[in-house]
Each structure stands twice: as structure tokens, then as C-alpha cells.
Amino acid sequence: MTTTNPDSGHPPNLANRLDGRVWALIAASSLGLNTTLASLAYGLGATPLLIAAVRALVAACILGFWLRSRGMLAFHPRDWKALFVATLATTGVSLGYLGSVFFIPVSLAAIIFYTFPLVVAGANALIERRMPTAGESGLFLLAFAGLVLAIGPSFQSLDWRGIALAGLASTSSATLFIVAARRLGHLNDLAVSFQINLFGGGVVALGALALFPSMLVLPGNVAGVALIGAICLAYLVGVTTLFTAVKQAGPAKTALFFNIEPLVSIALAFLLLGERFSGPQLLGGACVITALMLGSLQRAHRPLPPTA
């Protein structure tokens, strides 16, 4: 995808591309922090449905207040179809990823979920009617192999429901990346985040209220509520920077940089939860970082597309 600078009408220069990668790293790190904080909150009485609903609705309220004060909430009717798809995709990511860990190990769910960069790369090649280059294929495979080593799943107990839900989350995430880049790139990033979180969070909250009302009860302690507040802040940073990253760096490049998100979770688990790394995990982390660096160098040395 070729985006243009709204001031000049020309494709983004190298500085803009670097900015896209920085935004992608910020988004991935924030959402990685979100996952670790959620794990701590579960131990204090929070539930996945509660966190999914609260973080989305809090983000929507804050974004909505800010956007309304600037008159930036209006959408053209032609954009509603893409916004609807993005909302469904976001809801699928939240429910699929959080739901999968009820049936299969978290590490296995993460590996299945993080196949979405491969889905994005394949879908982009299909949309552009071309075969993925050897370099693209090699970097994505190296990053995915690193995730397999770094997360270290246990395959002792597998439940098809967990695998299906994690697959749903992966497919939904890929859909969100592609739709955001190809159909929503001309819209204000924060306005898009507001819309999909408002309706996505509303769907989760109403569904849980109707089917599992006990799962929407706040923890009965200050620490649990404080963690939910921190989760909301990290999520707000993650979702608002995600769309900026996709617009500036493109869906495939942003998806590649999102391979760092589980590594952030692992590092924070080491610091906050007392977990320790094994040799394969260290090797896996090195593979992912290598793929990210090579991808950045490949992009930096690629000639800019023609302007006419």
C-alpha cells in the first residue's frame, strides 16, 4: 500500500516510514504490558470478559470526549462498511484470544494467534496479485519460528475449542490490519479507534451481561481495581498507536513488528511474575529480534515508489 503525505501529496519519505515502525513498537509494547497486567488482575478476582469490556469502553469514552470537543466524530456513509468489518474483527480478537486460554495453554494460544503476520503477508500478496518475495517469506518464517521457541508451548492437553478460538483471533487480527490500511487509512486514527471500541466493547458487555453477569463484577480489592485501571491505560495507548503504525508502515510491516508483543509479555513475566527464561526461549527471542532488524534494513534500503 502506498500512502501519501496530506500536505505534499507525495508518498511518505524514509522518516515517515521510520515513524511507522516506532509507532508499531509502541503499540506492541503497550499491548504486551496489557497482557501481563491482565494476568496479575485475574489473580485478584478480575475476569477476561470484564477486562475486555471495561478497557474498550473506557478507551471509547476518553476518545469520544476528546474527539467530540474537536468536532471529529463524523464519518462518511461510504466508510461504515469498513468500520463495521473493523469492529467485528476487533471483537473477534478480544473474545477469541481471551476465550482460547480457557481451553488450551496460554503459550499455545499465543503461538496460534501470532500466525496473523503470515496471514497478513499472504493476503496482501493475494490482493496485489503477486507471489510473496523470498525475503518476505524468509523474514516472516524466521519471526514465527522465533515465537515458537520463545513462548515454549506445552502440547499435553489440546482442546479443539481453544484452537478454534485462537484461530479466530488470528484471522480477526489479520483482517483488522488489512482493513485499517486499505479502507480506513484516510480517516482519523483516533476516530476509528473510538468507533470500533465503542461498539465492540458494547457487544462484549451486553453479551456478558445477558449470558455471564457474574463475570462483570469488579474485584473486591483496591489492587485489583488499580490493575484494571492500568490495563485500560496501556490498552488506550496500544489501540491509538496501532492505527498510526498501520497507516504509516503498512499492514505487513506493522504485523511483523507486532512479533515483539509476546516477548514484552515474557520479559514482564520474568520481572513481575518471577518466571525464568530457558535456553530455547532466549534463542527464540534472538530469532524474532533478528527478523525485525533485517526487515527494518530491507525497508530502509528499498527505493521509494515513483510519485507519478
Protein backbone atom coordinates (compact mmCIF):
# COMPACT_ATOMS: atom_id res chain seq x y z
CA MET A 1 0.00 0.00 0.00
CA THR A 2 1.24 3.49 -0.84
CA THR A 3 0.04 6.23 1.46
CA THR A 4 0.50 9.91 0.76
CA ASN A 5 1.52 12.87 2.80
CA PRO A 6 -1.61 15.03 3.22
CA ASP A 7 0.43 18.21 2.89
CA SER A 8 2.54 17.36 -0.12
CA GLY A 9 0.53 14.68 -1.91
CA HIS A 10 3.69 12.56 -2.20
CA PRO A 11 4.41 9.09 -0.80
CA PRO A 12 5.90 9.02 2.71
CA ASN A 13 9.66 9.53 2.92
CA LEU A 14 12.10 7.44 4.92
CA ALA A 15 11.48 9.47 8.09
CA ASN A 16 7.75 8.71 7.90
CA ARG A 17 8.46 5.02 7.43
CA LEU A 18 10.73 5.02 10.47
CA ASP A 19 7.96 6.78 12.40
CA GLY A 20 5.60 3.96 11.41
CA ARG A 21 7.95 1.38 12.86
CA VAL A 22 8.31 3.38 16.09
CA TRP A 23 4.52 3.58 16.44
CA ALA A 24 4.28 -0.17 15.81
CA LEU A 25 6.80 -0.88 18.57
CA ILE A 26 4.96 1.41 21.00
CA ALA A 27 1.65 -0.28 20.21
CA ALA A 28 3.10 -3.78 20.54
CA SER A 29 4.86 -2.95 23.81
CA SER A 30 1.73 -1.36 25.31
CA LEU A 31 -0.45 -4.32 24.41
CA GLY A 32 2.22 -6.70 25.68
CA LEU A 33 2.13 -4.86 29.02
CA ASN A 34 -1.66 -5.12 28.89
CA THR A 35 -1.48 -8.91 28.76
CA THR A 36 0.86 -9.21 31.76
CA LEU A 37 -1.21 -6.82 33.86
CA ALA A 38 -4.32 -8.80 32.97
CA SER A 39 -2.65 -11.98 34.23
CA LEU A 40 -1.99 -10.26 37.55
CA ALA A 41 -5.56 -8.96 37.69
CA TYR A 42 -7.01 -12.43 37.16
CA GLY A 43 -5.36 -13.50 40.40
CA LEU A 44 -7.16 -10.68 42.21
CA GLY A 45 -10.65 -11.53 41.00
CA ALA A 46 -10.94 -9.99 37.53
CA THR A 47 -12.26 -11.97 34.55
CA PRO A 48 -11.38 -11.85 30.83
CA LEU A 49 -14.86 -10.65 29.88
CA LEU A 50 -14.71 -7.86 32.46
CA ILE A 51 -11.33 -6.65 31.21
CA ALA A 52 -12.29 -6.91 27.53
CA ALA A 53 -15.45 -4.86 28.08
CA VAL A 54 -14.07 -2.27 30.51
CA ARG A 55 -10.87 -1.50 28.62
CA ALA A 56 -12.75 -1.00 25.33
CA LEU A 57 -15.50 1.15 26.82
CA VAL A 58 -13.08 3.29 28.86
CA ALA A 59 -10.98 3.87 25.73
CA ALA A 60 -14.12 4.76 23.77
CA CYS A 61 -15.29 7.24 26.42
CA ILE A 62 -11.93 9.03 26.60
CA LEU A 63 -11.52 9.12 22.83
CA GLY A 64 -15.13 10.16 22.31
CA PHE A 65 -14.84 13.09 24.72
CA TRP A 66 -11.63 14.29 23.06
CA LEU A 67 -12.96 13.89 19.51
CA ARG A 68 -16.31 15.49 20.24
CA SER A 69 -14.60 18.56 21.67
CA ARG A 70 -12.91 18.94 18.28
CA GLY A 71 -15.85 18.01 16.07
CA MET A 72 -14.10 14.93 14.65
CA LEU A 73 -16.71 12.19 15.17
CA ALA A 74 -18.45 12.36 11.78
CA PHE A 75 -17.96 9.57 9.24
CA HIS A 76 -18.97 9.47 5.59
CA PRO A 77 -21.60 6.79 4.85
CA ARG A 78 -19.20 5.07 2.45
CA ASP A 79 -16.89 4.28 5.39
CA TRP A 80 -19.43 2.47 7.55
CA LYS A 81 -18.99 -0.89 5.85
CA ALA A 82 -15.23 -0.92 6.53
CA LEU A 83 -15.80 0.37 10.07
CA PHE A 84 -18.31 -2.41 10.68
CA VAL A 85 -15.80 -5.04 9.50
CA ALA A 86 -13.07 -3.50 11.69
CA THR A 87 -15.42 -3.57 14.69
CA LEU A 88 -16.25 -7.24 14.12
CA ALA A 89 -12.54 -8.00 13.72
CA THR A 90 -11.63 -6.24 16.96
CA THR A 91 -14.37 -8.08 18.82
CA GLY A 92 -13.13 -11.36 17.35
CA VAL A 93 -9.60 -10.65 18.56
CA SER A 94 -10.72 -9.90 22.12
CA LEU A 95 -13.17 -12.75 22.52
CA GLY A 96 -11.10 -15.27 20.59
CA TYR A 97 -7.77 -14.65 22.31
CA LEU A 98 -9.16 -14.27 25.82
CA GLY A 99 -11.56 -17.19 25.35
CA SER A 100 -8.96 -19.58 23.94
CA VAL A 101 -6.96 -19.68 27.18
CA PHE A 102 -9.89 -21.26 28.97
CA PHE A 103 -9.35 -24.43 26.89
CA ILE A 104 -5.66 -24.59 25.93
CA PRO A 105 -2.36 -23.35 27.45
CA VAL A 106 -1.72 -19.63 27.10
CA SER A 107 1.56 -20.24 25.28
CA LEU A 108 -0.09 -22.42 22.65
CA ALA A 109 -2.89 -19.87 22.22
CA ALA A 110 -0.26 -17.16 21.71
CA ILE A 111 1.54 -19.15 19.02
CA ILE A 112 -1.68 -19.79 17.13
CA PHE A 113 -2.71 -16.15 17.47
CA TYR A 114 0.64 -14.86 16.25
CA THR A 115 0.29 -16.60 12.92
CA PHE A 116 -1.59 -13.45 11.87
CA PRO A 117 1.52 -11.75 10.38
CA LEU A 118 1.77 -14.68 7.96
CA VAL A 119 -1.93 -14.30 7.16
CA VAL A 120 -1.42 -10.57 6.52
CA ALA A 121 1.57 -11.18 4.25
CA GLY A 122 -0.25 -13.87 2.29
CA ALA A 123 -3.43 -11.80 1.99
CA ASN A 124 -1.50 -8.74 0.79
CA ALA A 125 0.25 -10.80 -1.87
CA LEU A 126 -3.11 -12.23 -2.97
CA ILE A 127 -4.75 -8.79 -3.08
CA GLU A 128 -1.82 -7.39 -5.06
CA ARG A 129 -1.87 -10.48 -7.32
CA ARG A 130 1.75 -11.41 -6.73
CA MET A 131 3.80 -14.08 -5.01
CA PRO A 132 5.50 -13.14 -1.71
CA THR A 133 9.16 -12.42 -2.27
CA ALA A 134 11.77 -14.80 -0.89
CA GLY A 135 12.86 -12.10 1.56
CA GLU A 136 9.33 -11.52 2.85
CA SER A 137 8.68 -15.22 3.27
CA GLY A 138 12.01 -15.82 4.98
CA LEU A 139 11.59 -12.99 7.49
CA PHE A 140 8.07 -13.99 8.47
CA LEU A 141 9.07 -17.63 8.86
CA LEU A 142 12.11 -16.67 10.95
CA ALA A 143 9.95 -14.48 13.20
CA PHE A 144 7.34 -17.19 13.62
CA ALA A 145 9.98 -19.84 14.34
CA GLY A 146 11.36 -17.50 16.99
CA LEU A 147 7.93 -17.22 18.57
CA VAL A 148 7.63 -21.00 18.72
CA LEU A 149 10.93 -21.20 20.58
CA ALA A 150 10.39 -18.14 22.78
CA ILE A 151 6.92 -18.96 24.01
CA GLY A 152 7.63 -22.67 24.52
CA PRO A 153 4.15 -24.21 24.37
CA SER A 154 3.01 -27.38 26.08
CA PHE A 155 1.15 -29.76 23.80
CA GLN A 156 -0.02 -32.12 26.55
CA SER A 157 -3.66 -31.04 26.59
CA LEU A 158 -5.32 -29.77 23.44
CA ASP A 159 -8.98 -28.82 23.13
CA TRP A 160 -10.36 -28.06 19.68
CA ARG A 161 -12.44 -25.20 21.10
CA GLY A 162 -9.32 -23.39 22.29
CA ILE A 163 -7.57 -23.95 18.97
CA ALA A 164 -10.63 -22.67 17.08
CA LEU A 165 -10.90 -19.55 19.26
CA ALA A 166 -7.19 -18.75 18.90
CA GLY A 167 -7.53 -19.23 15.14
CA LEU A 168 -10.50 -16.85 15.17
CA ALA A 169 -8.39 -14.25 17.00
CA SER A 170 -5.55 -14.63 14.49
CA THR A 171 -7.81 -14.31 11.46
CA SER A 172 -9.62 -11.35 13.03
CA SER A 173 -6.35 -9.57 13.76
CA ALA A 174 -5.16 -10.02 10.18
CA THR A 175 -8.49 -8.68 8.93
CA LEU A 176 -8.17 -5.63 11.17
CA PHE A 177 -4.66 -4.85 9.91
CA ILE A 178 -5.66 -5.12 6.26
CA VAL A 179 -8.94 -3.21 6.53
CA ALA A 180 -7.31 -0.43 8.56
CA ALA A 181 -4.59 0.06 5.95
CA ARG A 182 -6.63 -0.33 2.77
CA ARG A 183 -10.05 1.09 3.68
CA LEU A 184 -9.60 3.31 6.75
CA GLY A 185 -6.25 4.96 6.08
CA HIS A 186 -7.88 8.25 5.06
CA LEU A 187 -9.79 8.56 8.34
CA ASN A 188 -8.63 10.00 11.63
CA ASP A 189 -6.90 7.23 13.58
CA LEU A 190 -8.44 8.15 16.92
CA ALA A 191 -11.94 8.37 15.44
CA VAL A 192 -11.58 4.84 14.08
CA SER A 193 -10.34 3.59 17.45
CA PHE A 194 -13.31 5.26 19.15
CA GLN A 195 -15.88 3.66 16.88
CA ILE A 196 -14.60 0.09 17.00
CA ASN A 197 -14.04 0.18 20.77
CA LEU A 198 -17.44 1.72 21.49
CA PHE A 199 -19.39 -0.86 19.54
CA GLY A 200 -17.00 -3.76 20.16
CA GLY A 201 -16.92 -3.12 23.90
CA GLY A 202 -20.67 -2.68 23.92
CA VAL A 203 -21.20 -6.05 22.24
CA VAL A 204 -18.92 -7.80 24.75
CA ALA A 205 -20.55 -6.06 27.73
CA LEU A 206 -24.13 -6.73 26.63
CA GLY A 207 -23.34 -10.33 25.71
CA ALA A 208 -21.66 -10.99 29.05
CA LEU A 209 -24.47 -9.23 30.91
CA ALA A 210 -27.04 -11.47 29.24
CA LEU A 211 -25.13 -14.76 29.48
CA PHE A 212 -22.49 -14.44 32.24
CA PRO A 213 -23.45 -11.49 34.50
CA SER A 214 -21.26 -12.72 37.36
CA MET A 215 -18.18 -12.21 35.17
CA LEU A 216 -18.73 -8.44 35.03
CA VAL A 217 -18.30 -7.89 38.79
CA LEU A 218 -15.29 -5.75 39.75
CA PRO A 219 -12.65 -7.25 42.09
CA GLY A 220 -13.40 -6.60 45.75
CA ASN A 221 -9.98 -5.09 46.45
CA VAL A 222 -8.14 -1.87 45.63
CA ALA A 223 -5.21 -3.64 43.96
CA GLY A 224 -7.46 -5.44 41.50
CA VAL A 225 -9.29 -2.25 40.54
CA ALA A 226 -5.97 -0.39 40.21
CA LEU A 227 -4.65 -3.06 37.86
CA ILE A 228 -7.75 -2.76 35.70
CA GLY A 229 -7.10 0.99 35.54
CA ALA A 230 -3.52 0.35 34.43
CA ILE A 231 -4.78 -2.14 31.84
CA CYS A 232 -7.15 0.49 30.45
CA LEU A 233 -4.30 3.00 30.14
CA ALA A 234 -1.98 0.52 28.40
CA TYR A 235 -4.78 -0.56 26.08
CA LEU A 236 -5.63 3.06 25.22
CA VAL A 237 -2.01 3.71 24.24
CA GLY A 238 -1.87 0.47 22.25
CA VAL A 239 -5.02 0.91 20.19
CA THR A 240 -4.43 4.58 19.41
CA THR A 241 -0.88 4.00 18.17
CA LEU A 242 -1.80 0.83 16.25
CA PHE A 243 -3.72 2.65 13.52
CA THR A 244 -0.99 5.24 13.10
CA ALA A 245 1.51 2.41 12.64
CA VAL A 246 -0.62 0.62 10.05
CA LYS A 247 -1.18 3.84 8.10
CA GLN A 248 2.50 4.84 8.03
CA ALA A 249 4.29 1.48 7.88
CA GLY A 250 1.67 -0.68 6.13
CA PRO A 251 -0.12 -3.80 7.41
CA ALA A 252 2.60 -6.36 6.71
CA LYS A 253 5.39 -4.27 8.26
CA THR A 254 3.29 -3.45 11.32
CA ALA A 255 2.30 -7.10 11.71
CA LEU A 256 5.98 -8.09 11.61
CA PHE A 257 6.83 -5.62 14.38
CA PHE A 258 3.97 -6.96 16.47
CA ASN A 259 6.03 -10.13 16.94
CA ILE A 260 7.67 -8.24 19.79
CA GLU A 261 4.43 -8.13 21.80
CA PRO A 262 4.70 -11.67 23.25
CA LEU A 263 8.37 -11.04 24.01
CA VAL A 264 7.36 -7.99 26.03
CA SER A 265 4.91 -10.18 27.91
CA ILE A 266 7.62 -12.77 28.59
CA ALA A 267 10.08 -10.13 29.81
CA LEU A 268 7.48 -8.58 32.11
CA ALA A 269 6.53 -12.01 33.40
CA PHE A 270 10.21 -12.50 34.26
CA LEU A 271 10.25 -9.22 36.20
CA LEU A 272 6.76 -9.19 37.74
CA LEU A 273 5.76 -12.84 37.99
CA GLY A 274 9.12 -14.44 38.73
CA GLU A 275 9.18 -16.56 35.58
CA ARG A 276 12.54 -17.58 34.17
CA PHE A 277 13.82 -17.97 30.60
CA SER A 278 15.08 -21.22 29.18
CA GLY A 279 17.74 -21.65 26.51
CA PRO A 280 15.19 -22.15 23.70
CA GLN A 281 13.31 -19.02 24.81
CA LEU A 282 16.47 -16.94 24.59
CA LEU A 283 17.19 -18.37 21.14
CA GLY A 284 13.63 -17.65 20.06
CA GLY A 285 13.89 -14.07 21.22
CA ALA A 286 17.09 -13.65 19.23
CA CYS A 287 15.35 -15.01 16.12
CA VAL A 288 12.48 -12.54 16.43
CA ILE A 289 14.74 -9.54 17.02
CA THR A 290 16.91 -10.61 14.07
CA ALA A 291 13.86 -10.79 11.82
CA LEU A 292 12.75 -7.34 12.96
CA MET A 293 16.18 -5.82 12.33
CA LEU A 294 16.51 -7.42 8.90
CA GLY A 295 13.02 -6.27 7.99
CA SER A 296 13.88 -2.71 9.00
CA LEU A 297 17.10 -2.74 6.99
CA GLN A 298 15.32 -4.20 3.97
CA ARG A 299 12.68 -1.49 4.10
CA ALA A 300 15.19 1.30 4.71
CA HIS A 301 17.22 0.38 1.62
CA ARG A 302 14.20 -0.11 -0.65
CA PRO A 303 13.79 2.71 -3.20
CA LEU A 304 10.81 4.98 -2.74
CA PRO A 305 7.98 4.34 -5.22
CA PRO A 306 7.56 6.80 -8.11
CA THR A 307 5.36 9.81 -7.47
CA ALA A 308 3.75 9.88 -10.89
